[in-house]
Amino acid sequence: MSNAPVLTFSRPAAGPSARAARGRDGIGRSSSKAAERVSDDLRHGVSEHLTRRRRQTALMLGATAAMGVISLYQTGILRRLPDPPLPGIDSDKVDASGEAYQVLRTPDANLSIANYGATLALIAMGGADRAREMPLIPLLAAGKLASDAAGGVWLTVEQISRHRALCAYCLAAATATVAALPQALPEARAAWRQLRS
């Protein structure tokens, strides 16, 4: 009979962050009760604000994925971008243009991915009660999403006016950013009320 340890997959009553916090020796980052609370809040918490933050995260990850496909094309990994057979859609034309490489002489999809990374960090920063505990963060997150949404609309208008064509992937990313903004507003209003009180 084998003496091998038996692996179990049941969740401990204290939650995974408490279990992970036990091993504090060794090289690497330290933990804290506040960090463990954020871990538990984001993964297991139930509130309207957390639900909306999860929606924002999903939408911004979708936008990032769309930019990832464009990045594959703009850096030569993909030879062409597959487009839906719709009139006015020509992602290759839009994403190969000089304008798409103008800022920092870098493919604009890569810059968008970095930009969306900052947005995702703001959306996820803090625990369930961050509107009360750190009210500037929800306000910054909403402002950043507003900036992202305005940028997406601006780039869509630019594509129509300059190229007479639209990039399907850019359109998907712009739609996701615009859809994420209303999800951030209730928490931002709660944070504003907290600051004013």
Foldseek 3Di string as FASTA:
>chain_A
DDPDDDDDDDADPVGDLVVVQPPQDDDDDHDDPQRSQLVCQQPPNDDLLSVLLVLLLVLLVLLLVLLVQLLCCLVPVDVADDDDPDPQAGQRQLQNDPVCLVVVSHRVSVVVNVLSVVLNCLSSPGGPPCLQVPVVSLVVSLVSLVVLLVVLVVVQVVCCVPVVGDHPSSVSSNVSSVVSNVSSPVSNVSSVVNVVD
